[in-house]
Amino acid sequence: ALALEGLLSGGVEARLDKGILRIDRFDLRGSGFDLFAQGVLNERMNFEARVSDLSRLVPAARGRFDSEGWVRWKDHHLTGSLEGQGKDLLFQGARMTSLDLHARLEGRDDLSGGVKATARKISFRDVQLDSANLDLAGRLTGHRMLFKMRWPEAELEGRLEGGYSKQRWQGTLTRLSGKDTLIGPWNLQGAAALAVSATRVKVESLVVTGGRQERLKIGTDLALPTFNGLLSVEWEQINLARLNPY
């Protein structure tokens, strides 16, 4: 049993036998959070976390986040899954009224798994979104990502395919489309190559078209975090009213 000046209480019952960790009881309660776990680490260990005040764990954050799942560590491989729900979240200036998160991990030599997330009523500086969806699946070196965002005047969705290697993500934007209430739909014309690292972002020949012969072509090769470099933009017959919803 544990008790620390009224800040932390609960109990832990665990055994380590021949390198195998078994937790019969892990139950900790503190100001704004409850943590529970039970099981054998190299078979399946279930856990739950109920955080009613995120600021107690992350000073810059606010809101509530509840999660549950399981984890396994066997033969130097980590496997597990997590489901979580957040309410009234605030972090680094970004706010959202709710977040649903589903994640799974298969820890082989090339990490594989997936993440599905849905956030609602999002605001960041002057950006206001009704909802945002993310669906990521595959391996670290080869995966695909679907995304979709909606706000009152417009919506945007797309698909990325690529992989992470040597501290760089490299891939292709295979689908990008949107529509707004003022003008109508627009679409990506052909795949666009992308490369992103901590020091550089490069986009090769991203072309989108809309109604009435609208055409926009963008290319970038910029150094981060200064954004010094090349930005190339070409456009034809663009209705500038399209910019208003974005």
Protein backbone atom coordinates (compact mmCIF):
# COMPACT_ATOMS: atom_id res chain seq x y z
CA ALA A 1 0.00 0.00 0.00
CA LEU A 2 1.15 3.53 -0.77
CA ALA A 3 0.34 6.93 0.66
CA LEU A 4 2.35 10.09 0.01
CA GLU A 5 1.16 13.10 2.01
CA GLY A 6 -2.32 12.75 0.59
CA LEU A 7 -1.08 13.29 -2.98
CA LEU A 8 -0.77 9.65 -4.07
CA SER A 9 -2.44 6.53 -2.73
CA GLY A 10 -3.10 2.94 -3.80
CA GLY A 11 -1.31 -0.36 -3.90
CA VAL A 12 1.06 -2.47 -5.99
CA GLU A 13 1.41 -6.26 -5.89
CA ALA A 14 3.98 -7.55 -8.38
CA ARG A 15 6.42 -10.43 -8.85
CA LEU A 16 9.52 -10.83 -10.99
CA ASP A 17 10.43 -14.48 -11.56
CA LYS A 18 13.08 -15.56 -14.09
CA GLY A 19 12.72 -12.31 -15.97
CA ILE A 20 8.90 -12.55 -16.13
CA LEU A 21 7.00 -9.61 -14.61
CA ARG A 22 3.57 -10.40 -13.20
CA ILE A 23 1.39 -7.64 -11.79
CA ASP A 24 -1.49 -8.89 -9.68
CA ARG A 25 -2.48 -5.39 -8.70
CA PHE A 26 -1.39 -1.92 -9.76
CA ASP A 27 -3.78 0.71 -8.45
CA LEU A 28 -2.62 4.28 -8.01
CA ARG A 29 -4.78 7.33 -7.37
CA GLY A 30 -3.67 10.92 -7.33
CA SER A 31 -5.05 14.39 -7.70
CA GLY A 32 -6.82 14.32 -11.05
CA PHE A 33 -5.86 10.81 -12.21
CA ASP A 34 -6.37 7.07 -11.55
CA LEU A 35 -4.11 4.35 -12.99
CA PHE A 36 -4.81 0.60 -13.03
CA ALA A 37 -2.92 -2.40 -14.46
CA GLN A 38 -2.99 -6.18 -14.18
CA GLY A 39 -1.44 -9.11 -16.03
CA VAL A 40 1.80 -10.71 -17.21
CA LEU A 41 4.01 -8.44 -19.30
CA ASN A 42 5.23 -11.09 -21.76
CA GLU A 43 1.67 -12.42 -22.26
CA ARG A 44 -0.82 -9.57 -21.90
CA MET A 45 -1.01 -6.74 -19.42
CA ASN A 46 -4.24 -4.77 -19.33
CA PHE A 47 -4.32 -1.16 -18.20
CA GLU A 48 -6.72 1.72 -17.62
CA ALA A 49 -6.06 5.40 -17.07
CA ARG A 50 -8.64 7.97 -16.00
CA VAL A 51 -7.26 11.50 -16.09
CA SER A 52 -9.81 14.10 -15.05
CA ASP A 53 -7.29 16.96 -15.06
CA LEU A 54 -4.47 16.72 -17.62
CA SER A 55 -2.68 19.69 -16.09
CA ARG A 56 -1.68 17.44 -13.17
CA LEU A 57 0.41 15.32 -15.55
CA VAL A 58 1.25 17.82 -18.32
CA PRO A 59 1.40 21.39 -16.98
CA ALA A 60 0.75 23.00 -20.38
CA ALA A 61 -2.34 20.85 -21.08
CA ARG A 62 -5.96 21.03 -19.97
CA GLY A 63 -8.95 18.69 -20.18
CA ARG A 64 -9.93 15.10 -19.50
CA PHE A 65 -8.61 11.93 -21.10
CA ASP A 66 -9.69 8.35 -20.38
CA SER A 67 -8.00 5.34 -21.94
CA GLU A 68 -7.75 1.57 -21.75
CA GLY A 69 -5.82 -1.10 -23.56
CA TRP A 70 -3.18 -3.79 -23.27
CA VAL A 71 0.52 -4.24 -23.86
CA ARG A 72 2.92 -7.16 -24.36
CA TRP A 73 6.73 -7.21 -24.31
CA LYS A 74 8.07 -10.51 -25.62
CA ASP A 75 11.26 -11.46 -27.46
CA HIS A 76 12.24 -7.77 -27.53
CA HIS A 77 9.04 -6.92 -29.42
CA LEU A 78 6.37 -4.53 -28.17
CA THR A 79 2.73 -5.20 -29.07
CA GLY A 80 -0.41 -3.53 -27.81
CA SER A 81 -3.49 -1.45 -28.40
CA LEU A 82 -5.10 1.61 -26.89
CA GLU A 83 -8.50 3.26 -27.02
CA GLY A 84 -8.95 6.73 -25.60
CA GLN A 85 -11.48 9.53 -25.34
CA GLY A 86 -10.68 13.15 -24.56
CA LYS A 87 -12.98 16.02 -23.59
CA ASP A 88 -12.40 19.79 -23.66
CA LEU A 89 -8.70 19.46 -24.51
CA LEU A 90 -6.20 22.31 -24.69
CA PHE A 91 -2.53 21.95 -25.63
CA GLN A 92 -0.05 24.41 -27.14
CA GLY A 93 -2.86 26.79 -28.08
CA ALA A 94 -4.94 24.11 -29.85
CA ARG A 95 -8.40 23.34 -28.49
CA MET A 96 -10.90 20.59 -29.24
CA THR A 97 -14.16 19.65 -27.56
CA SER A 98 -13.65 15.89 -28.07
CA LEU A 99 -11.11 13.35 -29.30
CA ASP A 100 -11.62 9.64 -30.06
CA LEU A 101 -8.40 7.67 -30.47
CA HIS A 102 -7.76 4.05 -31.48
CA ALA A 103 -4.18 2.82 -31.83
CA ARG A 104 -2.45 -0.53 -32.28
CA LEU A 105 1.22 -1.48 -32.48
CA GLU A 106 3.09 -4.57 -33.63
CA GLY A 107 6.71 -4.11 -32.65
CA ARG A 108 8.74 -6.11 -35.14
CA ASP A 109 11.95 -4.94 -36.76
CA ASP A 110 9.84 -2.66 -38.93
CA LEU A 111 7.14 -1.22 -36.66
CA SER A 112 3.62 -1.76 -37.93
CA GLY A 113 0.20 -0.82 -36.68
CA GLY A 114 -2.34 1.91 -37.11
CA VAL A 115 -3.96 5.00 -35.66
CA LYS A 116 -7.52 6.24 -36.11
CA ALA A 117 -8.45 9.57 -34.60
CA THR A 118 -11.49 11.84 -34.78
CA ALA A 119 -11.46 15.34 -33.28
CA ARG A 120 -14.41 17.73 -33.13
CA LYS A 121 -14.78 21.50 -32.77
CA ILE A 122 -11.10 22.34 -33.20
CA SER A 123 -9.58 25.79 -32.95
CA PHE A 124 -5.98 26.93 -33.38
CA ARG A 125 -5.31 30.65 -33.67
CA ASP A 126 -7.59 31.79 -36.51
CA VAL A 127 -8.37 28.26 -37.75
CA GLN A 128 -11.78 26.85 -36.82
CA LEU A 129 -12.73 23.28 -37.82
CA ASP A 130 -15.94 21.36 -37.20
CA SER A 131 -14.14 18.01 -37.39
CA ALA A 132 -10.89 16.32 -38.43
CA ASN A 133 -10.32 12.62 -39.15
CA LEU A 134 -7.06 10.69 -39.48
CA ASP A 135 -6.59 7.04 -40.49
CA LEU A 136 -2.98 5.81 -40.57
CA ALA A 137 -2.01 2.17 -41.22
CA GLY A 138 1.01 0.15 -42.31
CA ARG A 139 4.65 -0.08 -41.36
CA LEU A 140 7.13 2.60 -40.40
CA THR A 141 8.91 2.23 -43.75
CA GLY A 142 5.72 1.90 -45.81
CA HIS A 143 2.25 3.16 -44.87
CA ARG A 144 -0.74 5.14 -46.02
CA MET A 145 -2.60 8.00 -44.37
CA LEU A 146 -6.12 9.23 -45.04
CA PHE A 147 -7.24 12.60 -43.70
CA LYS A 148 -10.40 14.68 -43.83
CA MET A 149 -11.31 18.10 -42.42
CA ARG A 150 -14.61 19.94 -42.37
CA TRP A 151 -15.68 23.44 -41.43
CA PRO A 152 -18.89 25.38 -42.15
CA GLU A 153 -17.91 26.74 -45.57
CA ALA A 154 -15.75 23.94 -46.98
CA GLU A 155 -14.16 20.51 -46.63
CA LEU A 156 -10.83 18.95 -47.55
CA GLU A 157 -9.67 15.33 -47.85
CA GLY A 158 -6.66 13.46 -49.15
CA ARG A 159 -4.42 10.41 -49.14
CA LEU A 160 -0.68 10.09 -48.56
CA GLU A 161 1.51 7.04 -49.21
CA GLY A 162 5.12 6.77 -48.14
CA GLY A 163 7.57 5.75 -45.45
CA TYR A 164 10.03 6.97 -42.84
CA SER A 165 13.72 6.12 -43.11
CA LYS A 166 17.02 7.82 -42.25
CA GLN A 167 15.25 10.60 -40.32
CA ARG A 168 13.13 11.57 -43.32
CA TRP A 169 9.57 10.91 -44.46
CA GLN A 170 9.28 10.51 -48.20
CA GLY A 171 6.21 9.67 -50.21
CA THR A 172 3.45 10.75 -52.54
CA LEU A 173 0.26 12.73 -52.22
CA THR A 174 -2.01 10.51 -54.29
CA ARG A 175 -5.33 12.22 -53.62
CA LEU A 176 -6.36 15.72 -52.58
CA SER A 177 -9.76 17.27 -53.09
CA GLY A 178 -12.02 19.86 -51.60
CA LYS A 179 -15.18 21.81 -52.10
CA ASP A 180 -16.64 25.03 -50.81
CA THR A 181 -20.05 26.59 -50.75
CA LEU A 182 -19.05 29.55 -52.91
CA ILE A 183 -17.48 28.09 -56.04
CA GLY A 184 -17.61 24.28 -56.00
CA PRO A 185 -15.19 21.34 -56.03
CA TRP A 186 -11.48 21.18 -56.87
CA ASN A 187 -9.14 18.17 -57.27
CA LEU A 188 -5.51 17.12 -57.45
CA GLN A 189 -4.32 16.36 -60.98
CA GLY A 190 -1.83 13.52 -60.73
CA ALA A 191 0.33 12.41 -57.82
CA ALA A 192 2.73 14.85 -56.14
CA ALA A 193 6.04 13.80 -54.55
CA LEU A 194 6.78 14.98 -51.00
CA ALA A 195 9.79 14.80 -48.68
CA VAL A 196 9.83 16.07 -45.08
CA SER A 197 12.55 16.03 -42.44
CA ALA A 198 13.47 18.10 -39.40
CA THR A 199 15.51 20.41 -41.64
CA ARG A 200 13.73 20.44 -44.99
CA VAL A 201 10.36 20.19 -46.73
CA LYS A 202 10.10 19.58 -50.47
CA VAL A 203 7.01 19.38 -52.70
CA GLU A 204 7.34 18.62 -56.39
CA SER A 205 4.72 19.85 -58.85
CA LEU A 206 1.45 19.79 -56.91
CA VAL A 207 -1.30 20.70 -59.40
CA VAL A 208 -4.98 21.23 -58.56
CA THR A 209 -7.79 22.26 -60.87
CA GLY A 210 -11.32 23.54 -60.40
CA GLY A 211 -14.25 24.66 -62.45
CA ARG A 212 -14.07 27.28 -65.20
CA GLN A 213 -10.48 26.34 -66.16
CA GLU A 214 -9.02 27.11 -62.73
CA ARG A 215 -5.49 25.75 -62.29
CA LEU A 216 -2.93 26.08 -59.51
CA LYS A 217 0.60 24.61 -59.47
CA ILE A 218 2.86 24.70 -56.38
CA GLY A 219 6.42 23.57 -55.77
CA THR A 220 8.59 24.11 -52.67
CA ASP A 221 12.06 23.35 -51.39
CA LEU A 222 12.36 25.04 -48.00
CA ALA A 223 14.79 24.81 -45.09
CA LEU A 224 13.29 24.38 -41.62
CA PRO A 225 12.62 26.02 -39.25
CA THR A 226 13.51 29.28 -41.07
CA PHE A 227 11.45 28.51 -44.22
CA ASN A 228 14.27 29.88 -46.39
CA GLY A 229 14.38 28.49 -49.90
CA LEU A 230 12.29 28.17 -53.02
CA LEU A 231 8.54 28.61 -53.41
CA SER A 232 7.14 28.36 -56.92
CA VAL A 233 3.49 29.16 -57.66
CA GLU A 234 1.69 29.30 -61.02
CA TRP A 235 -2.01 29.95 -61.45
CA GLU A 236 -4.60 30.45 -64.18
CA GLN A 237 -8.18 31.72 -63.97
CA ILE A 238 -8.29 31.34 -60.16
CA ASN A 239 -11.38 32.79 -58.52
CA LEU A 240 -9.88 34.50 -55.45
CA ALA A 241 -13.17 34.10 -53.59
CA ARG A 242 -12.08 30.48 -53.08
CA LEU A 243 -9.63 31.67 -50.43
CA ASN A 244 -12.32 33.02 -48.08
CA PRO A 245 -13.46 29.70 -46.53
CA TYR A 246 -9.85 28.64 -45.89
